[in-house]
């Protein structure tokens, strides 16, 4: 099934991959994949948010997290910080 408006808003369902993809005229997209149980929001090829059974994956050239009052990072397992330079203040 494919639907397209005059402004090129597209919605298509791929029965082979069981994925519904909605794409805006400027290239923003959301993909709902029934086969993998995942949801992917994509702003550009370099900025993507994926939710799946493994958790949440946030990809981008630069990622900032801002909290006005408090930010907590918790894990019941291993927490890793990897980078060419890490600053803690």
PDB file of N, CA and C in Angstrom:
ATOM      1  N   UNK A   1       0.842  -1.181   0.000  1.00  0.00           N
ATOM      2  CA  UNK A   1       0.000   0.000   0.000  1.00  0.00           C
ATOM      3  C   UNK A   1       0.885   1.241   0.000  1.00  0.00           C
ATOM      4  N   UNK A   2       0.628   2.158  -0.883  1.00  0.00           N
ATOM      5  CA  UNK A   2       1.345   3.418  -0.946  1.00  0.00           C
ATOM      6  C   UNK A   2       0.350   4.559  -1.046  1.00  0.00           C
ATOM      7  N   UNK A   3       0.598   5.625  -0.265  1.00  0.00           N
ATOM      8  CA  UNK A   3      -0.222   6.833  -0.313  1.00  0.00           C
ATOM      9  C   UNK A   3       0.728   8.006  -0.450  1.00  0.00           C
ATOM     10  N   UNK A   4       0.405   8.936  -1.362  1.00  0.00           N
ATOM     11  CA  UNK A   4       1.240  10.127  -1.539  1.00  0.00           C
ATOM     12  C   UNK A   4       0.342  11.325  -1.799  1.00  0.00           C
ATOM     13  N   UNK A   5       0.613  12.434  -1.070  1.00  0.00           N
ATOM     14  CA  UNK A   5      -0.151  13.656  -1.275  1.00  0.00           C
ATOM     15  C   UNK A   5       0.518  14.491  -2.362  1.00  0.00           C
ATOM     16  N   UNK A   6      -0.140  15.572  -2.756  1.00  0.00           N
ATOM     17  CA  UNK A   6       0.423  16.470  -3.760  1.00  0.00           C
ATOM     18  C   UNK A   6       1.741  17.085  -3.287  1.00  0.00           C
ATOM     19  N   UNK A   7       1.893  17.272  -1.970  1.00  0.00           N
ATOM     20  CA  UNK A   7       3.111  17.876  -1.410  1.00  0.00           C
ATOM     21  C   UNK A   7       4.181  16.818  -1.155  1.00  0.00           C
ATOM     22  N   UNK A   8       4.000  15.619  -1.654  1.00  0.00           N
ATOM     23  CA  UNK A   8       4.919  14.483  -1.551  1.00  0.00           C
ATOM     24  C   UNK A   8       5.062  13.913  -0.143  1.00  0.00           C
ATOM     25  N   UNK A   9       4.056  14.079   0.705  1.00  0.00           N
ATOM     26  CA  UNK A   9       4.014  13.328   1.953  1.00  0.00           C
ATOM     27  C   UNK A   9       3.726  11.883   1.558  1.00  0.00           C
ATOM     28  N   UNK A  10       4.561  10.963   2.033  1.00  0.00           N
ATOM     29  CA  UNK A  10       4.410   9.575   1.606  1.00  0.00           C
ATOM     30  C   UNK A  10       4.152   8.655   2.789  1.00  0.00           C
ATOM     31  N   UNK A  11       3.319   7.656   2.562  1.00  0.00           N
ATOM     32  CA  UNK A  11       3.106   6.586   3.526  1.00  0.00           C
ATOM     33  C   UNK A  11       3.100   5.287   2.726  1.00  0.00           C
ATOM     34  N   UNK A  12       3.975   4.372   3.118  1.00  0.00           N
ATOM     35  CA  UNK A  12       4.020   3.109   2.390  1.00  0.00           C
ATOM     36  C   UNK A  12       4.202   1.947   3.360  1.00  0.00           C
ATOM     37  N   UNK A  13       3.655   0.817   3.012  1.00  0.00           N
ATOM     38  CA  UNK A  13       3.793  -0.387   3.820  1.00  0.00           C
ATOM     39  C   UNK A  13       4.458  -1.444   2.968  1.00  0.00           C
ATOM     40  N   UNK A  14       5.584  -1.959   3.458  1.00  0.00           N
ATOM     41  CA  UNK A  14       6.328  -3.012   2.776  1.00  0.00           C
ATOM     42  C   UNK A  14       5.940  -4.339   3.420  1.00  0.00           C
ATOM     43  N   UNK A  15       5.180  -5.163   2.702  1.00  0.00           N
ATOM     44  CA  UNK A  15       4.726  -6.432   3.266  1.00  0.00           C
ATOM     45  C   UNK A  15       5.873  -7.407   3.494  1.00  0.00           C
ATOM     46  N   UNK A  16       6.929  -7.294   2.714  1.00  0.00           N
ATOM     47  CA  UNK A  16       8.075  -8.197   2.870  1.00  0.00           C
ATOM     48  C   UNK A  16       8.807  -7.945   4.188  1.00  0.00           C
ATOM     49  N   UNK A  17       9.065  -6.671   4.517  1.00  0.00           N
ATOM     50  CA  UNK A  17       9.768  -6.347   5.760  1.00  0.00           C
ATOM     51  C   UNK A  17       8.806  -6.018   6.900  1.00  0.00           C
ATOM     52  N   UNK A  18       7.503  -5.995   6.616  1.00  0.00           N
ATOM     53  CA  UNK A  18       6.449  -5.666   7.583  1.00  0.00           C
ATOM     54  C   UNK A  18       6.706  -4.293   8.218  1.00  0.00           C
ATOM     55  N   UNK A  19       7.020  -3.306   7.374  1.00  0.00           N
ATOM     56  CA  UNK A  19       7.367  -1.970   7.850  1.00  0.00           C
ATOM     57  C   UNK A  19       6.465  -0.917   7.231  1.00  0.00           C
ATOM     58  N   UNK A  20       5.913  -0.055   8.099  1.00  0.00           N
ATOM     59  CA  UNK A  20       5.154   1.113   7.666  1.00  0.00           C
ATOM     60  C   UNK A  20       6.083   2.312   7.787  1.00  0.00           C
ATOM     61  N   UNK A  21       6.292   3.041   6.702  1.00  0.00           N
ATOM     62  CA  UNK A  21       7.178   4.206   6.697  1.00  0.00           C
ATOM     63  C   UNK A  21       6.384   5.423   6.255  1.00  0.00           C
ATOM     64  N   UNK A  22       6.459   6.485   7.073  1.00  0.00           N
ATOM     65  CA  UNK A  22       5.834   7.767   6.738  1.00  0.00           C
ATOM     66  C   UNK A  22       6.965   8.771   6.554  1.00  0.00           C
ATOM     67  N   UNK A  23       6.988   9.450   5.421  1.00  0.00           N
ATOM     68  CA  UNK A  23       8.047  10.405   5.095  1.00  0.00           C
ATOM     69  C   UNK A  23       7.432  11.743   4.705  1.00  0.00           C
ATOM     70  N   UNK A  24       7.963  12.838   5.291  1.00  0.00           N
ATOM     71  CA  UNK A  24       7.480  14.184   4.984  1.00  0.00           C
ATOM     72  C   UNK A  24       8.203  14.731   3.752  1.00  0.00           C
ATOM     73  N   UNK A  25       7.703  15.836   3.184  1.00  0.00           N
ATOM     74  CA  UNK A  25       8.360  16.427   2.022  1.00  0.00           C
ATOM     75  C   UNK A  25       9.823  16.817   2.274  1.00  0.00           C
ATOM     76  N   UNK A  26      10.179  17.169   3.511  1.00  0.00           N
ATOM     77  CA  UNK A  26      11.561  17.555   3.801  1.00  0.00           C
ATOM     78  C   UNK A  26      12.428  16.390   4.251  1.00  0.00           C
ATOM     79  N   UNK A  27      11.908  15.163   4.185  1.00  0.00           N
ATOM     80  CA  UNK A  27      12.719  13.987   4.462  1.00  0.00           C
ATOM     81  C   UNK A  27      12.660  13.443   5.875  1.00  0.00           C
ATOM     82  N   UNK A  28      11.833  14.003   6.745  1.00  0.00           N
ATOM     83  CA  UNK A  28      11.656  13.431   8.078  1.00  0.00           C
ATOM     84  C   UNK A  28      10.894  12.131   7.937  1.00  0.00           C
ATOM     85  N   UNK A  29      11.248  11.111   8.732  1.00  0.00           N
ATOM     86  CA  UNK A  29      10.530   9.847   8.584  1.00  0.00           C
ATOM     87  C   UNK A  29      10.354   9.129   9.915  1.00  0.00           C
ATOM     88  N   UNK A  30       9.325   8.293   9.941  1.00  0.00           N
ATOM     89  CA  UNK A  30       9.070   7.390  11.049  1.00  0.00           C
ATOM     90  C   UNK A  30       8.806   6.024  10.433  1.00  0.00           C
ATOM     91  N   UNK A  31       9.444   4.995  10.998  1.00  0.00           N
ATOM     92  CA  UNK A  31       9.269   3.635  10.498  1.00  0.00           C
ATOM     93  C   UNK A  31       8.813   2.744  11.644  1.00  0.00           C
ATOM     94  N   UNK A  32       7.718   2.040  11.432  1.00  0.00           N
ATOM     95  CA  UNK A  32       7.185   1.092  12.400  1.00  0.00           C
ATOM     96  C   UNK A  32       7.368  -0.299  11.806  1.00  0.00           C
ATOM     97  N   UNK A  33       8.198  -1.121  12.444  1.00  0.00           N
ATOM     98  CA  UNK A  33       8.520  -2.433  11.902  1.00  0.00           C
ATOM     99  C   UNK A  33       7.916  -3.512  12.791  1.00  0.00           C
ATOM    100  N   UNK A  34       6.895  -4.185  12.290  1.00  0.00           N
ATOM    101  CA  UNK A  34       6.247  -5.255  13.052  1.00  0.00           C
ATOM    102  C   UNK A  34       7.134  -6.488  13.174  1.00  0.00           C
ATOM    103  N   UNK A  35       7.969  -6.758  12.184  1.00  0.00           N
ATOM    104  CA  UNK A  35       8.821  -7.945  12.213  1.00  0.00           C
ATOM    105  C   UNK A  35       9.843  -7.873  13.347  1.00  0.00           C
ATOM    106  N   UNK A  36      10.446  -6.699  13.540  1.00  0.00           N
ATOM    107  CA  UNK A  36      11.467  -6.547  14.584  1.00  0.00           C
ATOM    108  C   UNK A  36      10.922  -5.893  15.841  1.00  0.00           C
ATOM    109  N   UNK A  37       9.702  -5.367  15.775  1.00  0.00           N
ATOM    110  CA  UNK A  37       9.119  -4.668  16.912  1.00  0.00           C
ATOM    111  C   UNK A  37       9.816  -3.357  17.198  1.00  0.00           C
ATOM    112  N   UNK A  38      10.315  -2.695  16.160  1.00  0.00           N
ATOM    113  CA  UNK A  38      11.079  -1.464  16.353  1.00  0.00           C
ATOM    114  C   UNK A  38      10.354  -0.252  15.782  1.00  0.00           C
ATOM    115  N   UNK A  39      10.724   0.913  16.339  1.00  0.00           N
ATOM    116  CA  UNK A  39      10.251   2.208  15.855  1.00  0.00           C
ATOM    117  C   UNK A  39      11.487   3.056  15.610  1.00  0.00           C
ATOM    118  N   UNK A  40      11.592   3.674  14.450  1.00  0.00           N
ATOM    119  CA  UNK A  40      12.736   4.518  14.123  1.00  0.00           C
ATOM    120  C   UNK A  40      12.239   5.883  13.662  1.00  0.00           C
ATOM    121  N   UNK A  41      12.748   6.936  14.320  1.00  0.00           N
ATOM    122  CA  UNK A  41      12.498   8.315  13.908  1.00  0.00           C
ATOM    123  C   UNK A  41      13.781   8.813  13.275  1.00  0.00           C
ATOM    124  N   UNK A  42      13.698   9.364  12.075  1.00  0.00           N
ATOM    125  CA  UNK A  42      14.905   9.818  11.386  1.00  0.00           C
ATOM    126  C   UNK A  42      14.732  11.256  10.919  1.00  0.00           C
ATOM    127  N   UNK A  43      15.699  12.093  11.314  1.00  0.00           N
ATOM    128  CA  UNK A  43      15.704  13.508  10.940  1.00  0.00           C
ATOM    129  C   UNK A  43      16.563  13.713   9.700  1.00  0.00           C
ATOM    130  N   UNK A  44      17.650  13.000   9.634  1.00  0.00           N
ATOM    131  CA  UNK A  44      18.571  13.027   8.495  1.00  0.00           C
ATOM    132  C   UNK A  44      19.353  11.724   8.559  1.00  0.00           C
ATOM    133  N   UNK A  45      20.177  11.443   7.561  1.00  0.00           N
ATOM    134  CA  UNK A  45      20.981  10.209   7.643  1.00  0.00           C
ATOM    135  C   UNK A  45      21.904  10.175   8.861  1.00  0.00           C
ATOM    136  N   UNK A  46      22.159  11.345   9.464  1.00  0.00           N
ATOM    137  CA  UNK A  46      23.082  11.410  10.598  1.00  0.00           C
ATOM    138  C   UNK A  46      22.380  11.574  11.940  1.00  0.00           C
ATOM    139  N   UNK A  47      21.060  11.652  11.962  1.00  0.00           N
ATOM    140  CA  UNK A  47      20.320  11.837  13.209  1.00  0.00           C
ATOM    141  C   UNK A  47      19.156  10.856  13.248  1.00  0.00           C
ATOM    142  N   UNK A  48      19.222   9.912  14.220  1.00  0.00           N
ATOM    143  CA  UNK A  48      18.223   8.848  14.251  1.00  0.00           C
ATOM    144  C   UNK A  48      17.979   8.386  15.686  1.00  0.00           C
ATOM    145  N   UNK A  49      16.738   8.068  15.992  1.00  0.00           N
ATOM    146  CA  UNK A  49      16.339   7.507  17.277  1.00  0.00           C
ATOM    147  C   UNK A  49      15.633   6.190  16.991  1.00  0.00           C
ATOM    148  N   UNK A  50      16.127   5.105  17.582  1.00  0.00           N
ATOM    149  CA  UNK A  50      15.543   3.788  17.370  1.00  0.00           C
ATOM    150  C   UNK A  50      15.156   3.179  18.710  1.00  0.00           C
ATOM    151  N   UNK A  51      13.938   2.683  18.792  1.00  0.00           N
ATOM    152  CA  UNK A  51      13.462   1.953  19.963  1.00  0.00           C
ATOM    153  C   UNK A  51      13.207   0.522  19.518  1.00  0.00           C
ATOM    154  N   UNK A  52      13.822  -0.438  20.218  1.00  0.00           N
ATOM    155  CA  UNK A  52      13.606  -1.841  19.883  1.00  0.00           C
ATOM    156  C   UNK A  52      13.737  -2.696  21.141  1.00  0.00           C
ATOM    157  N   UNK A  53      13.751  -4.007  20.985  1.00  0.00           N
ATOM    158  CA  UNK A  53      13.798  -4.892  22.141  1.00  0.00           C
ATOM    159  C   UNK A  53      15.123  -4.814  22.901  1.00  0.00           C
ATOM    160  N   UNK A  54      16.160  -4.231  22.301  1.00  0.00           N
ATOM    161  CA  UNK A  54      17.446  -4.059  22.980  1.00  0.00           C
ATOM    162  C   UNK A  54      17.499  -2.772  23.795  1.00  0.00           C
ATOM    163  N   UNK A  55      16.581  -1.838  23.525  1.00  0.00           N
ATOM    164  CA  UNK A  55      16.551  -0.574  24.249  1.00  0.00           C
ATOM    165  C   UNK A  55      16.379   0.598  23.305  1.00  0.00           C
ATOM    166  N   UNK A  56      17.072   1.693  23.621  1.00  0.00           N
ATOM    167  CA  UNK A  56      16.979   2.937  22.859  1.00  0.00           C
ATOM    168  C   UNK A  56      18.349   3.275  22.302  1.00  0.00           C
ATOM    169  N   UNK A  57      18.417   3.563  21.025  1.00  0.00           N
ATOM    170  CA  UNK A  57      19.666   3.962  20.376  1.00  0.00           C
ATOM    171  C   UNK A  57      19.470   5.354  19.803  1.00  0.00           C
ATOM    172  N   UNK A  58      20.309   6.284  20.228  1.00  0.00           N
ATOM    173  CA  UNK A  58      20.262   7.666  19.765  1.00  0.00           C
ATOM    174  C   UNK A  58      21.546   7.925  18.989  1.00  0.00           C
ATOM    175  N   UNK A  59      21.425   8.254  17.707  1.00  0.00           N
ATOM    176  CA  UNK A  59      22.585   8.471  16.851  1.00  0.00           C
ATOM    177  C   UNK A  59      22.567   9.884  16.292  1.00  0.00           C
ATOM    178  N   UNK A  60      23.732  10.529  16.254  1.00  0.00           N
ATOM    179  CA  UNK A  60      23.823  11.857  15.671  1.00  0.00           C
ATOM    180  C   UNK A  60      25.240  12.364  15.678  1.00  0.00           C
ATOM    181  N   UNK A  61      25.499  13.367  14.853  1.00  0.00           N
ATOM    182  CA  UNK A  61      26.824  13.981  14.832  1.00  0.00           C
ATOM    183  C   UNK A  61      27.130  14.637  16.168  1.00  0.00           C
ATOM    184  N   UNK A  62      26.121  15.200  16.807  1.00  0.00           N
ATOM    185  CA  UNK A  62      26.267  15.838  18.113  1.00  0.00           C
ATOM    186  C   UNK A  62      24.983  15.593  18.895  1.00  0.00           C
ATOM    187  N   UNK A  63      25.110  15.116  20.130  1.00  0.00           N
ATOM    188  CA  UNK A  63      23.943  14.834  20.964  1.00  0.00           C
ATOM    189  C   UNK A  63      24.101  15.574  22.282  1.00  0.00           C
ATOM    190  N   UNK A  64      23.095  16.351  22.632  1.00  0.00           N
ATOM    191  CA  UNK A  64      23.106  17.080  23.896  1.00  0.00           C
ATOM    192  C   UNK A  64      21.882  16.672  24.697  1.00  0.00           C
ATOM    193  N   UNK A  65      22.081  16.507  26.000  1.00  0.00           N
ATOM    194  CA  UNK A  65      20.983  16.218  26.911  1.00  0.00           C
ATOM    195  C   UNK A  65      20.947  17.354  27.917  1.00  0.00           C
ATOM    196  N   UNK A  66      19.811  18.020  28.033  1.00  0.00           N
ATOM    197  CA  UNK A  66      19.670  19.160  28.942  1.00  0.00           C
ATOM    198  C   UNK A  66      18.583  18.852  29.968  1.00  0.00           C
ATOM    199  N   UNK A  67      18.866  19.189  31.213  1.00  0.00           N
ATOM    200  CA  UNK A  67      17.866  19.071  32.273  1.00  0.00           C
ATOM    201  C   UNK A  67      17.867  20.370  33.065  1.00  0.00           C
ATOM    202  N   UNK A  68      16.697  20.927  33.335  1.00  0.00           N
ATOM    203  CA  UNK A  68      16.598  22.177  34.089  1.00  0.00           C
ATOM    204  C   UNK A  68      16.888  21.937  35.565  1.00  0.00           C
ATOM    205  N   UNK A  69      16.405  20.838  36.106  1.00  0.00           N
ATOM    206  CA  UNK A  69      16.569  20.608  37.539  1.00  0.00           C
ATOM    207  C   UNK A  69      17.525  19.461  37.853  1.00  0.00           C
ATOM    208  N   UNK A  70      17.326  18.298  37.274  1.00  0.00           N
ATOM    209  CA  UNK A  70      18.111  17.126  37.665  1.00  0.00           C
ATOM    210  C   UNK A  70      18.168  16.138  36.507  1.00  0.00           C
ATOM    211  N   UNK A  71      19.286  15.444  36.385  1.00  0.00           N
ATOM    212  CA  UNK A  71      19.452  14.385  35.399  1.00  0.00           C
ATOM    213  C   UNK A  71      20.058  13.190  36.111  1.00  0.00           C
ATOM    214  N   UNK A  72      19.433  12.036  35.988  1.00  0.00           N
ATOM    215  CA  UNK A  72      19.938  10.823  36.614  1.00  0.00           C
ATOM    216  C   UNK A  72      20.222   9.785  35.543  1.00  0.00           C
ATOM    217  N   UNK A  73      21.373   9.158  35.631  1.00  0.00           N
ATOM    218  CA  UNK A  73      21.717   8.028  34.772  1.00  0.00           C
ATOM    219  C   UNK A  73      21.874   6.824  35.686  1.00  0.00           C
ATOM    220  N   UNK A  74      21.098   5.787  35.445  1.00  0.00           N
ATOM    221  CA  UNK A  74      21.131   4.611  36.312  1.00  0.00           C
ATOM    222  C   UNK A  74      21.245   3.354  35.467  1.00  0.00           C
ATOM    223  N   UNK A  75      21.945   2.380  35.983  1.00  0.00           N
ATOM    224  CA  UNK A  75      22.030   1.084  35.339  1.00  0.00           C
ATOM    225  C   UNK A  75      22.211   0.019  36.403  1.00  0.00           C
ATOM    226  N   UNK A  76      21.701  -1.149  36.140  1.00  0.00           N
ATOM    227  CA  UNK A  76      21.943  -2.267  37.046  1.00  0.00           C
ATOM    228  C   UNK A  76      23.141  -3.079  36.564  1.00  0.00           C
ATOM    229  N   UNK A  77      23.734  -2.631  35.469  1.00  0.00           N
ATOM    230  CA  UNK A  77      24.899  -3.308  34.911  1.00  0.00           C
ATOM    231  C   UNK A  77      26.052  -2.336  34.749  1.00  0.00           C
ATOM    232  N   UNK A  78      26.851  -2.563  33.754  1.00  0.00           N
ATOM    233  CA  UNK A  78      28.055  -1.784  33.477  1.00  0.00           C
ATOM    234  C   UNK A  78      27.700  -0.480  32.776  1.00  0.00           C
ATOM    235  N   UNK A  79      28.309   0.625  33.201  1.00  0.00           N
ATOM    236  CA  UNK A  79      28.158   1.909  32.519  1.00  0.00           C
ATOM    237  C   UNK A  79      29.504   2.269  31.914  1.00  0.00           C
ATOM    238  N   UNK A  80      29.512   2.583  30.628  1.00  0.00           N
ATOM    239  CA  UNK A  80      30.760   2.909  29.932  1.00  0.00           C
ATOM    240  C   UNK A  80      30.719   4.348  29.448  1.00  0.00           C
ATOM    241  N   UNK A  81      31.849   5.024  29.538  1.00  0.00           N
ATOM    242  CA  UNK A  81      32.049   6.327  28.907  1.00  0.00           C
ATOM    243  C   UNK A  81      33.253   6.170  27.986  1.00  0.00           C
ATOM    244  N   UNK A  82      33.048   6.311  26.700  1.00  0.00           N
ATOM    245  CA  UNK A  82      34.128   6.189  25.724  1.00  0.00           C
ATOM    246  C   UNK A  82      34.206   7.470  24.921  1.00  0.00           C
ATOM    247  N   UNK A  83      35.403   7.986  24.739  1.00  0.00           N
ATOM    248  CA  UNK A  83      35.574   9.187  23.939  1.00  0.00           C
ATOM    249  C   UNK A  83      37.031   9.581  23.870  1.00  0.00           C
ATOM    250  N   UNK A  84      37.370  10.370  22.879  1.00  0.00           N
ATOM    251  CA  UNK A  84      38.746  10.834  22.743  1.00  0.00           C
ATOM    252  C   UNK A  84      39.102  11.729  23.920  1.00  0.00           C
ATOM    253  N   UNK A  85      38.130  12.477  24.440  1.00  0.00           N
ATOM    254  CA  UNK A  85      38.342  13.314  25.608  1.00  0.00           C
ATOM    255  C   UNK A  85      37.053  13.343  26.422  1.00  0.00           C
ATOM    256  N   UNK A  86      37.146  13.110  27.711  1.00  0.00           N
ATOM    257  CA  UNK A  86      35.989  13.110  28.599  1.00  0.00           C
ATOM    258  C   UNK A  86      36.245  14.131  29.695  1.00  0.00           C
ATOM    259  N   UNK A  87      35.294  15.054  29.873  1.00  0.00           N
ATOM    260  CA  UNK A  87      35.391  16.074  30.901  1.00  0.00           C
ATOM    261  C   UNK A  87      34.246  15.883  31.880  1.00  0.00           C
ATOM    262  N   UNK A  88      34.559  15.803  33.163  1.00  0.00           N
ATOM    263  CA  UNK A  88      33.530  15.735  34.200  1.00  0.00           C
ATOM    264  C   UNK A  88      33.684  16.965  35.055  1.00  0.00           C
ATOM    265  N   UNK A  89      32.604  17.665  35.284  1.00  0.00           N
ATOM    266  CA  UNK A  89      32.664  18.895  36.054  1.00  0.00           C
ATOM    267  C   UNK A  89      31.611  18.857  37.143  1.00  0.00           C
TER     268      UNK A  89
END
